[in-house]
Amino acid sequence: MAGPATVLKGSVGFGGKNLRGDVLLVQAMLNALPATRGGAVPALATDGICGTMTNSAIKRFQAGNQCYADGRVDAGAKTERTLLELLQRLGKLAAVLGAAAAAAPAPTGPTVAGPNSPVRRKYVQTAKTLVPPAGLTTGGSGPKGATGCGEFPGRVFARLPVIPPGQPGAFKVHVAGAGTMYLTSPTTWWEQLAQAVDKQHAPARKCWVPFVGGNRPLPGDIYLLAQYDNPAMFQHVGVVLDASGSEWTTCDGGQGNGWQSGIVKRQFQPDGVIAGEFGNRARLKGWVDLDNLYAVAQASFPALG
């Protein structure tokens, strides 16, 4: 019986679209082939992320199977057709495609998304345990518990918990200019991280949501502020607790002396001007949608799985 002509939605490898489901398929197919037929050596981590090892494995397969060795598998082109034909002849194709489909997490449905979704409830509850019920932590650059604003969202993720870096199943993404980043990374680059997820995984609903005037973040979203006089420059990142009115409640690090954390009230105007850090005005730039991020990375949340 003839196999399918293509199973990919886009190209995988160097310069490809690298959609997560496609990368998972290519990784699984290369792992299923013996080394003598161009299979991956060593076996690839089937994580849906097209990194250096996956690119090299594609190129190795191409070189050993009379395909143009450009390190990319294009949908319906010779490299993919050769992969599918080899697996079909070896009697492995059906099992590989079935296993890859089962490994891809199902998208989060609308019944579990929204202001009271399980991941939002847990993220908000965890954030609140890291700060006093009123006021700020002692802070300072030395005492345990001190945190800058960029570290705080990742500190919350670490306590949900999510699978930590270095462990199988940890969610990671390559961010241009920053390298490999994790949900627990101490960083102010949450906008870039979310945009990288959107580009590399192409979720149905974007993880990065820019402020456009009438939209508002929900509890648990990671919000970003830009400087009032220079909207291209970062000012602050924190966690939304309530953004339903003109006075927002947020949970933040990087307060007070710069290393304190706590629950903060911020006056918000419909045009996006908001009370920022140390009494300065700021502009709401946008936020990371926690439900949409979870829909992509949910396999890395063992407590919510």
C-alpha atoms as a PDB file:
ATOM      1  CA  MET A   1       0.000   0.000   0.000  1.00  0.00           C
ATOM      2  CA  ALA A   2       1.387   3.402  -0.954  1.00  0.00           C
ATOM      3  CA  GLY A   3       2.119   5.799   1.865  1.00  0.00           C
ATOM      4  CA  PRO A   4       1.128   9.476   2.042  1.00  0.00           C
ATOM      5  CA  ALA A   5       2.898  11.977  -0.209  1.00  0.00           C
ATOM      6  CA  THR A   6       3.280  14.423   2.670  1.00  0.00           C
ATOM      7  CA  VAL A   7       2.454  14.686   6.372  1.00  0.00           C
ATOM      8  CA  LEU A   8       3.920  18.132   7.021  1.00  0.00           C
ATOM      9  CA  LYS A   9       2.142  21.480   7.066  1.00  0.00           C
ATOM     10  CA  GLY A  10       5.346  23.459   6.525  1.00  0.00           C
ATOM     11  CA  SER A  11       9.101  23.142   6.201  1.00  0.00           C
ATOM     12  CA  VAL A  12      11.293  21.851   9.049  1.00  0.00           C
ATOM     13  CA  GLY A  13      14.962  22.643   9.582  1.00  0.00           C
ATOM     14  CA  PHE A  14      17.285  25.464   8.631  1.00  0.00           C
ATOM     15  CA  GLY A  15      15.200  28.440   7.495  1.00  0.00           C
ATOM     16  CA  GLY A  16      11.946  26.501   7.820  1.00  0.00           C
ATOM     17  CA  LYS A  17       8.647  27.417   9.478  1.00  0.00           C
ATOM     18  CA  ASN A  18       9.355  24.805  12.172  1.00  0.00           C
ATOM     19  CA  LEU A  19       5.795  24.374  13.422  1.00  0.00           C
ATOM     20  CA  ARG A  20       5.890  22.270  16.568  1.00  0.00           C
ATOM     21  CA  GLY A  21       3.781  19.414  15.197  1.00  0.00           C
ATOM     22  CA  ASP A  22       5.920  19.215  12.054  1.00  0.00           C
ATOM     23  CA  VAL A  23       9.163  19.205  14.038  1.00  0.00           C
ATOM     24  CA  LEU A  24       7.811  16.403  16.245  1.00  0.00           C
ATOM     25  CA  LEU A  25       7.035  14.350  13.145  1.00  0.00           C
ATOM     26  CA  VAL A  26      10.466  14.827  11.587  1.00  0.00           C
ATOM     27  CA  GLN A  27      12.218  14.054  14.873  1.00  0.00           C
ATOM     28  CA  ALA A  28      10.165  10.876  15.290  1.00  0.00           C
ATOM     29  CA  MET A  29      10.786   9.773  11.703  1.00  0.00           C
ATOM     30  CA  LEU A  30      14.551  10.293  11.930  1.00  0.00           C
ATOM     31  CA  ASN A  31      14.667   8.423  15.237  1.00  0.00           C
ATOM     32  CA  ALA A  32      12.766   5.482  13.744  1.00  0.00           C
ATOM     33  CA  LEU A  33      15.299   4.912  10.968  1.00  0.00           C
ATOM     34  CA  PRO A  34      18.406   2.797  11.605  1.00  0.00           C
ATOM     35  CA  ALA A  35      21.714   4.628  11.497  1.00  0.00           C
ATOM     36  CA  THR A  36      22.655   2.739   8.348  1.00  0.00           C
ATOM     37  CA  ARG A  37      19.684   4.307   6.556  1.00  0.00           C
ATOM     38  CA  GLY A  38      20.401   7.840   7.717  1.00  0.00           C
ATOM     39  CA  GLY A  39      18.625   7.768  11.068  1.00  0.00           C
ATOM     40  CA  ALA A  40      19.492  10.227  13.844  1.00  0.00           C
ATOM     41  CA  VAL A  41      22.723   9.498  15.740  1.00  0.00           C
ATOM     42  CA  PRO A  42      22.390  10.093  18.639  1.00  0.00           C
ATOM     43  CA  ALA A  43      18.606   9.882  18.917  1.00  0.00           C
ATOM     44  CA  LEU A  44      16.864  13.262  18.956  1.00  0.00           C
ATOM     45  CA  ALA A  45      14.816  14.568  21.859  1.00  0.00           C
ATOM     46  CA  THR A  46      11.245  14.645  20.532  1.00  0.00           C
ATOM     47  CA  ASP A  47      10.470  18.077  21.947  1.00  0.00           C
ATOM     48  CA  GLY A  48       9.099  19.806  18.862  1.00  0.00           C
ATOM     49  CA  ILE A  49      11.970  22.318  18.878  1.00  0.00           C
ATOM     50  CA  CYS A  50      14.185  22.495  15.814  1.00  0.00           C
ATOM     51  CA  GLY A  51      17.654  23.127  17.206  1.00  0.00           C
ATOM     52  CA  THR A  52      21.190  22.364  16.082  1.00  0.00           C
ATOM     53  CA  MET A  53      20.921  18.597  16.615  1.00  0.00           C
ATOM     54  CA  THR A  54      17.709  18.303  14.598  1.00  0.00           C
ATOM     55  CA  ASN A  55      19.153  20.403  11.771  1.00  0.00           C
ATOM     56  CA  SER A  56      22.295  18.254  11.731  1.00  0.00           C
ATOM     57  CA  ALA A  57      20.272  15.025  11.742  1.00  0.00           C
ATOM     58  CA  ILE A  58      18.258  16.239   8.752  1.00  0.00           C
ATOM     59  CA  LYS A  59      21.430  17.099   6.872  1.00  0.00           C
ATOM     60  CA  ARG A  60      22.974  13.705   7.732  1.00  0.00           C
ATOM     61  CA  PHE A  61      19.878  11.923   6.416  1.00  0.00           C
ATOM     62  CA  GLN A  62      19.942  13.947   3.211  1.00  0.00           C
ATOM     63  CA  ALA A  63      23.628  13.278   2.609  1.00  0.00           C
ATOM     64  CA  GLY A  64      23.106   9.528   2.995  1.00  0.00           C
ATOM     65  CA  ASN A  65      19.998   9.316   0.819  1.00  0.00           C
ATOM     66  CA  GLN A  66      20.885  11.327  -2.290  1.00  0.00           C
ATOM     67  CA  CYS A  67      18.897  14.382  -1.250  1.00  0.00           C
ATOM     68  CA  TYR A  68      20.117  17.952  -1.486  1.00  0.00           C
ATOM     69  CA  ALA A  69      21.809  18.457   1.906  1.00  0.00           C
ATOM     70  CA  ASP A  70      20.426  21.857   2.854  1.00  0.00           C
ATOM     71  CA  GLY A  71      19.311  20.808   6.358  1.00  0.00           C
ATOM     72  CA  ARG A  72      15.611  21.376   5.627  1.00  0.00           C
ATOM     73  CA  VAL A  73      12.638  19.085   5.045  1.00  0.00           C
ATOM     74  CA  ASP A  74      10.122  20.794   2.757  1.00  0.00           C
ATOM     75  CA  ALA A  75       6.529  19.542   2.698  1.00  0.00           C
ATOM     76  CA  GLY A  76       6.024  17.193  -0.246  1.00  0.00           C
ATOM     77  CA  ALA A  77       9.601  17.626  -1.512  1.00  0.00           C
ATOM     78  CA  LYS A  78      12.262  14.934  -2.037  1.00  0.00           C
ATOM     79  CA  THR A  79      13.599  14.730   1.526  1.00  0.00           C
ATOM     80  CA  GLU A  80      10.159  14.190   3.050  1.00  0.00           C
ATOM     81  CA  ARG A  81       9.135  11.744   0.322  1.00  0.00           C
ATOM     82  CA  THR A  82      12.330   9.756   0.886  1.00  0.00           C
ATOM     83  CA  LEU A  83      11.720   9.647   4.638  1.00  0.00           C
ATOM     84  CA  LEU A  84       8.155   8.434   4.173  1.00  0.00           C
ATOM     85  CA  GLU A  85       9.119   5.835   1.556  1.00  0.00           C
ATOM     86  CA  LEU A  86      11.905   4.393   3.721  1.00  0.00           C
ATOM     87  CA  LEU A  87       9.678   4.132   6.783  1.00  0.00           C
ATOM     88  CA  GLN A  88       6.909   2.568   4.683  1.00  0.00           C
ATOM     89  CA  ARG A  89       9.288  -0.080   3.332  1.00  0.00           C
ATOM     90  CA  LEU A  90      10.541  -0.830   6.842  1.00  0.00           C
ATOM     91  CA  GLY A  91       6.961  -1.214   8.094  1.00  0.00           C
ATOM     92  CA  LYS A  92       7.371   1.611  10.611  1.00  0.00           C
ATOM     93  CA  LEU A  93       5.453   4.503   9.091  1.00  0.00           C
ATOM     94  CA  ALA A  94       2.021   3.888  10.625  1.00  0.00           C
ATOM     95  CA  ALA A  95       3.475   3.432  14.117  1.00  0.00           C
ATOM     96  CA  VAL A  96       5.624   6.569  13.845  1.00  0.00           C
ATOM     97  CA  LEU A  97       2.762   8.762  12.655  1.00  0.00           C
ATOM     98  CA  GLY A  98       0.434   7.392  15.330  1.00  0.00           C
ATOM     99  CA  ALA A  99       2.953   7.920  18.120  1.00  0.00           C
ATOM    100  CA  ALA A 100       3.738  11.468  16.964  1.00  0.00           C
ATOM    101  CA  ALA A 101       0.036  12.362  16.899  1.00  0.00           C
ATOM    102  CA  ALA A 102      -0.414  10.995  20.419  1.00  0.00           C
ATOM    103  CA  ALA A 103       2.630  12.903  21.697  1.00  0.00           C
ATOM    104  CA  ALA A 104       1.337  16.277  20.533  1.00  0.00           C
ATOM    105  CA  PRO A 105      -0.718  17.782  23.393  1.00  0.00           C
ATOM    106  CA  ALA A 106      -4.296  18.601  22.548  1.00  0.00           C
ATOM    107  CA  PRO A 107      -5.027  22.335  22.520  1.00  0.00           C
ATOM    108  CA  THR A 108      -6.724  23.760  25.547  1.00  0.00           C
ATOM    109  CA  GLY A 109     -10.418  24.145  24.822  1.00  0.00           C
ATOM    110  CA  PRO A 110     -12.539  27.201  25.582  1.00  0.00           C
ATOM    111  CA  THR A 111     -14.155  25.450  28.569  1.00  0.00           C
ATOM    112  CA  VAL A 112     -10.881  25.628  30.516  1.00  0.00           C
ATOM    113  CA  ALA A 113      -9.772  29.088  29.427  1.00  0.00           C
ATOM    114  CA  GLY A 114     -10.828  32.445  30.825  1.00  0.00           C
ATOM    115  CA  PRO A 115     -10.409  34.543  33.978  1.00  0.00           C
ATOM    116  CA  ASN A 116     -10.962  31.564  36.287  1.00  0.00           C
ATOM    117  CA  SER A 117      -9.129  28.853  34.333  1.00  0.00           C
ATOM    118  CA  PRO A 118      -7.141  26.290  36.376  1.00  0.00           C
ATOM    119  CA  VAL A 119      -3.750  27.598  35.291  1.00  0.00           C
ATOM    120  CA  ARG A 120      -4.746  31.195  36.084  1.00  0.00           C
ATOM    121  CA  ARG A 121      -6.062  30.254  39.527  1.00  0.00           C
ATOM    122  CA  LYS A 122      -2.881  28.396  40.377  1.00  0.00           C
ATOM    123  CA  TYR A 123      -0.548  31.064  38.987  1.00  0.00           C
ATOM    124  CA  VAL A 124      -2.281  33.878  40.870  1.00  0.00           C
ATOM    125  CA  GLN A 125      -2.456  31.862  44.086  1.00  0.00           C
ATOM    126  CA  THR A 126       1.247  31.017  43.815  1.00  0.00           C
ATOM    127  CA  ALA A 127       2.229  34.632  43.105  1.00  0.00           C
ATOM    128  CA  LYS A 128       0.395  35.774  46.224  1.00  0.00           C
ATOM    129  CA  THR A 129       2.288  33.274  48.401  1.00  0.00           C
ATOM    130  CA  LEU A 130       5.581  34.935  47.400  1.00  0.00           C
ATOM    131  CA  VAL A 131       4.659  38.397  48.715  1.00  0.00           C
ATOM    132  CA  PRO A 132       3.210  39.809  51.949  1.00  0.00           C
ATOM    133  CA  PRO A 133      -0.594  40.283  52.106  1.00  0.00           C
ATOM    134  CA  ALA A 134       0.120  44.012  52.507  1.00  0.00           C
ATOM    135  CA  GLY A 135       3.208  46.091  51.926  1.00  0.00           C
ATOM    136  CA  LEU A 136       6.508  44.929  50.498  1.00  0.00           C
ATOM    137  CA  THR A 137       9.131  42.345  51.372  1.00  0.00           C
ATOM    138  CA  THR A 138      12.324  43.496  53.070  1.00  0.00           C
ATOM    139  CA  GLY A 139      14.151  43.238  49.750  1.00  0.00           C
ATOM    140  CA  GLY A 140      17.729  44.388  49.371  1.00  0.00           C
ATOM    141  CA  SER A 141      20.254  42.762  47.071  1.00  0.00           C
ATOM    142  CA  GLY A 142      21.322  40.119  49.573  1.00  0.00           C
ATOM    143  CA  PRO A 143      18.459  38.668  51.675  1.00  0.00           C
ATOM    144  CA  LYS A 144      16.711  35.516  50.602  1.00  0.00           C
ATOM    145  CA  GLY A 145      13.529  36.292  48.741  1.00  0.00           C
ATOM    146  CA  ALA A 146      14.805  39.486  47.103  1.00  0.00           C
ATOM    147  CA  THR A 147      13.783  39.685  43.466  1.00  0.00           C
ATOM    148  CA  GLY A 148      13.869  42.027  40.501  1.00  0.00           C
ATOM    149  CA  CYS A 149      10.825  42.538  38.307  1.00  0.00           C
ATOM    150  CA  GLY A 150      12.093  40.280  35.521  1.00  0.00           C
ATOM    151  CA  GLU A 151      12.750  37.381  37.853  1.00  0.00           C
ATOM    152  CA  PHE A 152       9.322  37.392  39.472  1.00  0.00           C
ATOM    153  CA  PRO A 153       7.167  35.738  36.735  1.00  0.00           C
ATOM    154  CA  GLY A 154       9.694  32.915  36.373  1.00  0.00           C
ATOM    155  CA  ARG A 155       9.861  32.495  40.126  1.00  0.00           C
ATOM    156  CA  VAL A 156       6.098  31.923  40.114  1.00  0.00           C
ATOM    157  CA  PHE A 157       6.387  29.333  37.324  1.00  0.00           C
ATOM    158  CA  ALA A 158       9.081  27.492  39.285  1.00  0.00           C
ATOM    159  CA  ARG A 159       6.646  27.032  42.168  1.00  0.00           C
ATOM    160  CA  LEU A 160       3.584  25.889  40.191  1.00  0.00           C
ATOM    161  CA  PRO A 161       5.661  23.817  39.397  1.00  0.00           C
ATOM    162  CA  VAL A 162       6.737  23.445  35.793  1.00  0.00           C
ATOM    163  CA  ILE A 163       9.339  20.919  34.669  1.00  0.00           C
ATOM    164  CA  PRO A 164      12.684  22.663  35.334  1.00  0.00           C
ATOM    165  CA  PRO A 165      15.457  23.279  32.786  1.00  0.00           C
ATOM    166  CA  GLY A 166      17.606  20.236  32.157  1.00  0.00           C
ATOM    167  CA  GLN A 167      14.764  17.790  32.791  1.00  0.00           C
ATOM    168  CA  PRO A 168      12.962  15.875  30.006  1.00  0.00           C
ATOM    169  CA  GLY A 169       9.815  17.721  29.013  1.00  0.00           C
ATOM    170  CA  ALA A 170      10.920  21.189  30.122  1.00  0.00           C
ATOM    171  CA  PHE A 171       9.367  23.796  27.840  1.00  0.00           C
ATOM    172  CA  LYS A 172      11.979  25.892  26.095  1.00  0.00           C
ATOM    173  CA  VAL A 173      12.088  28.333  23.239  1.00  0.00           C
ATOM    174  CA  HIS A 174      14.881  30.007  21.291  1.00  0.00           C
ATOM    175  CA  VAL A 175      14.728  33.793  21.570  1.00  0.00           C
ATOM    176  CA  ALA A 176      16.836  35.823  19.158  1.00  0.00           C
ATOM    177  CA  GLY A 177      19.431  37.779  21.118  1.00  0.00           C
ATOM    178  CA  ALA A 178      18.898  35.773  24.301  1.00  0.00           C
ATOM    179  CA  GLY A 179      19.343  32.125  23.276  1.00  0.00           C
ATOM    180  CA  THR A 180      17.372  29.289  24.847  1.00  0.00           C
ATOM    181  CA  MET A 181      14.848  30.466  27.430  1.00  0.00           C
ATOM    182  CA  TYR A 182      12.547  28.607  29.819  1.00  0.00           C
ATOM    183  CA  LEU A 183       9.369  29.536  31.685  1.00  0.00           C
ATOM    184  CA  THR A 184      11.472  29.876  34.835  1.00  0.00           C
ATOM    185  CA  SER A 185      14.094  32.150  33.257  1.00  0.00           C
ATOM    186  CA  PRO A 186      14.836  35.386  35.164  1.00  0.00           C
ATOM    187  CA  THR A 187      14.273  37.880  32.355  1.00  0.00           C
ATOM    188  CA  THR A 188      12.595  41.098  31.348  1.00  0.00           C
ATOM    189  CA  TRP A 189      12.222  39.701  27.821  1.00  0.00           C
ATOM    190  CA  TRP A 190       8.735  38.252  28.283  1.00  0.00           C
ATOM    191  CA  GLU A 191       7.441  40.026  25.180  1.00  0.00           C
ATOM    192  CA  GLN A 192      10.194  38.496  23.058  1.00  0.00           C
ATOM    193  CA  LEU A 193       9.717  35.083  24.673  1.00  0.00           C
ATOM    194  CA  ALA A 194       5.977  35.088  23.905  1.00  0.00           C
ATOM    195  CA  GLN A 195       6.575  36.301  20.356  1.00  0.00           C
ATOM    196  CA  ALA A 196       9.116  33.499  19.844  1.00  0.00           C
ATOM    197  CA  VAL A 197       6.517  30.956  21.015  1.00  0.00           C
ATOM    198  CA  ASP A 198       4.010  32.430  18.557  1.00  0.00           C
ATOM    199  CA  LYS A 199       6.509  32.232  15.700  1.00  0.00           C
ATOM    200  CA  GLN A 200       7.880  28.765  16.433  1.00  0.00           C
ATOM    201  CA  HIS A 201       4.662  27.017  17.524  1.00  0.00           C
ATOM    202  CA  ALA A 202       2.030  28.999  15.583  1.00  0.00           C
ATOM    203  CA  PRO A 203      -0.714  28.590  18.213  1.00  0.00           C
ATOM    204  CA  ALA A 204      -4.300  29.277  17.253  1.00  0.00           C
ATOM    205  CA  ARG A 205      -4.393  32.069  19.836  1.00  0.00           C
ATOM    206  CA  LYS A 206      -1.325  34.278  20.225  1.00  0.00           C
ATOM    207  CA  CYS A 207       0.663  34.287  23.446  1.00  0.00           C
ATOM    208  CA  TRP A 208       1.763  37.901  23.020  1.00  0.00           C
ATOM    209  CA  VAL A 209      -1.164  40.337  23.103  1.00  0.00           C
ATOM    210  CA  PRO A 210      -0.401  44.019  22.370  1.00  0.00           C
ATOM    211  CA  PHE A 211      -2.548  46.671  24.043  1.00  0.00           C
ATOM    212  CA  VAL A 212      -4.757  48.244  21.368  1.00  0.00           C
ATOM    213  CA  GLY A 213      -7.051  50.434  23.440  1.00  0.00           C
ATOM    214  CA  GLY A 214     -10.044  48.367  24.513  1.00  0.00           C
ATOM    215  CA  ASN A 215      -8.557  45.001  25.437  1.00  0.00           C
ATOM    216  CA  ARG A 216      -7.486  44.109  28.977  1.00  0.00           C
ATOM    217  CA  PRO A 217      -5.313  41.380  30.490  1.00  0.00           C
ATOM    218  CA  LEU A 218      -6.791  38.744  32.789  1.00  0.00           C
ATOM    219  CA  PRO A 219      -5.568  37.520  36.193  1.00  0.00           C
ATOM    220  CA  GLY A 220      -2.262  35.701  35.803  1.00  0.00           C
ATOM    221  CA  ASP A 221      -1.227  37.441  32.595  1.00  0.00           C
ATOM    222  CA  ILE A 222       2.333  38.801  32.556  1.00  0.00           C
ATOM    223  CA  TYR A 223       2.069  42.503  31.683  1.00  0.00           C
ATOM    224  CA  LEU A 224       4.774  44.790  30.313  1.00  0.00           C
ATOM    225  CA  LEU A 225       5.129  48.544  30.679  1.00  0.00           C
ATOM    226  CA  ALA A 226       7.102  50.888  28.431  1.00  0.00           C
ATOM    227  CA  GLN A 227       8.581  54.225  29.414  1.00  0.00           C
ATOM    228  CA  TYR A 228       6.080  57.081  29.123  1.00  0.00           C
ATOM    229  CA  ASP A 229       8.356  59.406  27.127  1.00  0.00           C
ATOM    230  CA  ASN A 230      10.005  56.616  25.131  1.00  0.00           C
ATOM    231  CA  PRO A 231       7.470  53.867  24.340  1.00  0.00           C
ATOM    232  CA  ALA A 232      10.139  51.760  22.636  1.00  0.00           C
ATOM    233  CA  MET A 233      12.006  51.344  25.936  1.00  0.00           C
ATOM    234  CA  PHE A 234      11.119  48.771  28.579  1.00  0.00           C
ATOM    235  CA  GLN A 235      10.131  49.969  32.059  1.00  0.00           C
ATOM    236  CA  HIS A 236       8.605  47.082  34.025  1.00  0.00           C
ATOM    237  CA  VAL A 237       7.153  43.560  33.950  1.00  0.00           C
ATOM    238  CA  GLY A 238       4.812  41.982  36.495  1.00  0.00           C
ATOM    239  CA  VAL A 239       1.796  39.760  37.096  1.00  0.00           C
ATOM    240  CA  VAL A 240      -1.812  40.936  36.782  1.00  0.00           C
ATOM    241  CA  LEU A 241      -4.161  40.187  39.671  1.00  0.00           C
ATOM    242  CA  ASP A 242      -7.074  42.419  38.592  1.00  0.00           C
ATOM    243  CA  ALA A 243      -7.320  44.735  35.579  1.00  0.00           C
ATOM    244  CA  SER A 244     -11.095  45.168  35.510  1.00  0.00           C
ATOM    245  CA  GLY A 245     -11.338  48.862  36.372  1.00  0.00           C
ATOM    246  CA  SER A 246      -9.354  52.087  36.543  1.00  0.00           C
ATOM    247  CA  GLU A 247      -7.314  50.849  39.514  1.00  0.00           C
ATOM    248  CA  TRP A 248      -5.337  47.739  38.677  1.00  0.00           C
ATOM    249  CA  THR A 249      -3.913  45.315  41.222  1.00  0.00           C
ATOM    250  CA  THR A 250      -0.626  43.694  40.280  1.00  0.00           C
ATOM    251  CA  CYS A 251       1.902  41.399  41.933  1.00  0.00           C
ATOM    252  CA  ASP A 252       5.460  42.466  41.268  1.00  0.00           C
ATOM    253  CA  GLY A 253       9.125  42.224  42.040  1.00  0.00           C
ATOM    254  CA  GLY A 254      11.512  45.129  41.614  1.00  0.00           C
ATOM    255  CA  GLN A 255       9.593  47.467  43.915  1.00  0.00           C
ATOM    256  CA  GLY A 256      10.669  49.942  46.586  1.00  0.00           C
ATOM    257  CA  ASN A 257      14.442  49.746  46.811  1.00  0.00           C
ATOM    258  CA  GLY A 258      14.512  47.842  43.520  1.00  0.00           C
ATOM    259  CA  TRP A 259      14.558  44.362  45.028  1.00  0.00           C
ATOM    260  CA  GLN A 260      11.348  44.314  47.031  1.00  0.00           C
ATOM    261  CA  SER A 261       8.179  42.555  45.957  1.00  0.00           C
ATOM    262  CA  GLY A 262       4.522  42.917  46.847  1.00  0.00           C
ATOM    263  CA  ILE A 263       0.973  43.648  45.734  1.00  0.00           C
ATOM    264  CA  VAL A 264       0.668  47.062  44.082  1.00  0.00           C
ATOM    265  CA  LYS A 265      -2.250  49.339  43.133  1.00  0.00           C
ATOM    266  CA  ARG A 266      -1.802  51.135  39.794  1.00  0.00           C
ATOM    267  CA  GLN A 267      -4.036  53.844  38.361  1.00  0.00           C
ATOM    268  CA  PHE A 268      -4.895  53.031  34.764  1.00  0.00           C
ATOM    269  CA  GLN A 269      -6.261  55.300  32.017  1.00  0.00           C
ATOM    270  CA  PRO A 270      -8.132  54.052  28.926  1.00  0.00           C
ATOM    271  CA  ASP A 271      -5.344  55.299  26.631  1.00  0.00           C
ATOM    272  CA  GLY A 272      -2.901  52.928  28.294  1.00  0.00           C
ATOM    273  CA  VAL A 273      -1.141  55.397  30.575  1.00  0.00           C
ATOM    274  CA  ILE A 274      -0.569  53.690  33.918  1.00  0.00           C
ATOM    275  CA  ALA A 275       1.214  54.322  37.201  1.00  0.00           C
ATOM    276  CA  GLY A 276       4.628  52.763  36.658  1.00  0.00           C
ATOM    277  CA  GLU A 277       7.689  52.342  38.835  1.00  0.00           C
ATOM    278  CA  PHE A 278       8.838  54.726  41.575  1.00  0.00           C
ATOM    279  CA  GLY A 279       6.049  57.203  40.849  1.00  0.00           C
ATOM    280  CA  ASN A 280       6.819  57.456  37.134  1.00  0.00           C
ATOM    281  CA  ARG A 281       4.124  57.318  34.504  1.00  0.00           C
ATOM    282  CA  ALA A 282       4.346  54.463  32.020  1.00  0.00           C
ATOM    283  CA  ARG A 283       2.485  53.034  29.042  1.00  0.00           C
ATOM    284  CA  LEU A 284       0.915  49.603  28.897  1.00  0.00           C
ATOM    285  CA  LYS A 285       2.631  47.774  26.028  1.00  0.00           C
ATOM    286  CA  GLY A 286       0.847  44.422  26.214  1.00  0.00           C
ATOM    287  CA  TRP A 287       0.908  41.098  28.027  1.00  0.00           C
ATOM    288  CA  VAL A 288       1.623  37.392  27.803  1.00  0.00           C
ATOM    289  CA  ASP A 289      -1.726  35.550  27.734  1.00  0.00           C
ATOM    290  CA  LEU A 290      -1.340  32.771  30.311  1.00  0.00           C
ATOM    291  CA  ASP A 291      -4.127  30.565  28.904  1.00  0.00           C
ATOM    292  CA  ASN A 292      -2.625  30.695  25.413  1.00  0.00           C
ATOM    293  CA  LEU A 293       0.892  30.013  26.709  1.00  0.00           C
ATOM    294  CA  TYR A 294      -0.439  27.049  28.684  1.00  0.00           C
ATOM    295  CA  ALA A 295      -2.189  25.700  25.583  1.00  0.00           C
ATOM    296  CA  VAL A 296       1.253  25.414  23.951  1.00  0.00           C
ATOM    297  CA  ALA A 297       3.317  24.367  26.982  1.00  0.00           C
ATOM    298  CA  GLN A 298       0.814  22.375  29.053  1.00  0.00           C
ATOM    299  CA  ALA A 299       2.842  19.145  28.837  1.00  0.00           C
ATOM    300  CA  SER A 300       5.462  20.889  30.994  1.00  0.00           C
ATOM    301  CA  PHE A 301       2.958  21.566  33.804  1.00  0.00           C
ATOM    302  CA  PRO A 302       2.826  18.196  35.596  1.00  0.00           C
ATOM    303  CA  ALA A 303       0.597  19.426  38.426  1.00  0.00           C
ATOM    304  CA  LEU A 304      -2.013  20.674  35.931  1.00  0.00           C
ATOM    305  CA  GLY A 305      -1.707  17.871  33.409  1.00  0.00           C
END
